[in-house]
Protein backbone atom coordinates (compact mmCIF):
# COMPACT_ATOMS: atom_id res chain seq x y z
CA UNK A 1 11.12 23.97 15.05
CA UNK A 2 8.80 21.95 16.47
CA UNK A 3 10.21 23.07 20.36
CA UNK A 4 9.50 26.85 19.43
CA UNK A 5 6.22 26.16 18.45
CA UNK A 6 5.70 23.81 20.74
CA UNK A 7 6.67 27.00 23.00
CA UNK A 8 4.42 29.25 21.31
CA UNK A 9 1.60 27.42 20.88
CA UNK A 10 2.42 26.45 24.66
CA UNK A 11 0.22 30.18 25.45
CA UNK A 12 -2.78 28.67 23.48
CA UNK A 13 -2.89 25.46 26.08
CA UNK A 14 -4.23 27.47 28.70
CA UNK A 15 -6.86 29.04 26.88
CA UNK A 16 -7.50 26.05 25.51
CA UNK A 17 -7.99 23.86 28.97
CA UNK A 18 -10.47 26.69 29.87
CA UNK A 19 -12.75 26.79 27.02
CA UNK A 20 -12.95 22.36 26.60
CA UNK A 21 -11.68 21.22 29.77
CA UNK A 22 -8.83 19.00 30.58
CA UNK A 23 -9.82 15.49 28.82
CA UNK A 24 -11.23 17.34 25.94
CA UNK A 25 -8.43 19.19 25.35
CA UNK A 26 -6.34 16.02 25.77
CA UNK A 27 -8.38 14.66 22.86
CA UNK A 28 -8.79 18.17 20.87
CA UNK A 29 -4.73 17.33 20.73
CA UNK A 30 -4.54 13.78 20.54
CA UNK A 31 -6.47 14.90 17.20
CA UNK A 32 -3.82 16.96 16.29
CA UNK A 33 -0.86 15.40 16.83
CA UNK A 34 -2.26 12.63 14.65
CA UNK A 35 -2.70 14.27 11.63
CA UNK A 36 0.69 16.64 11.79
CA UNK A 37 2.42 12.98 12.25
CA UNK A 38 0.64 11.82 8.90
CA UNK A 39 1.34 14.47 6.99
CA UNK A 40 4.76 14.43 7.83
CA UNK A 41 4.20 10.44 6.61
CA UNK A 42 2.55 11.42 3.06
CA UNK A 43 4.70 15.02 2.76
CA UNK A 44 6.49 15.18 -0.54
CA UNK A 45 7.80 17.86 -0.35
CA UNK A 46 10.09 19.83 2.43
CA UNK A 47 7.55 22.46 2.40
CA UNK A 48 4.40 19.84 3.66
CA UNK A 49 6.73 18.16 6.36
CA UNK A 50 7.49 21.61 7.94
CA UNK A 51 4.01 22.22 8.60
CA UNK A 52 3.04 18.20 9.97
CA UNK A 53 6.49 19.48 12.48
CA UNK A 54 3.95 22.88 13.03
CA UNK A 55 1.49 20.61 14.11
CA UNK A 56 3.02 18.07 15.99
CA UNK A 57 4.14 21.54 17.74
CA UNK A 58 0.52 22.19 18.55
CA UNK A 59 0.03 18.98 19.88
CA UNK A 60 3.59 18.39 22.16
CA UNK A 61 3.01 22.58 22.63
CA UNK A 62 -0.31 21.96 24.30
CA UNK A 63 -0.53 19.02 25.94
CA UNK A 64 2.60 19.96 27.70
CA UNK A 65 0.45 22.09 29.56
CA UNK A 66 -2.57 19.81 29.39
CA UNK A 67 -1.17 16.87 30.83
CA UNK A 68 -0.28 18.60 34.69
CA UNK A 69 -3.99 19.43 35.26
CA UNK A 70 -5.37 16.75 33.95
CA UNK A 71 -5.98 14.20 36.52
């Protein structure tokens, strides 16, 4: 599920890079990834765990697009 979400969210990576620049986009994605990891850690039910996976997928997808651009 996180892989499919990362593919979908990678399309947003270009927009986020254009709007905020690659360095700020990287910091934003780091925070989103950390939030997703924390949600997965404390998730009491599978639905909360899936929500955390969606956040992690967003982080991975946008970072996948942002990392080659930042220098």
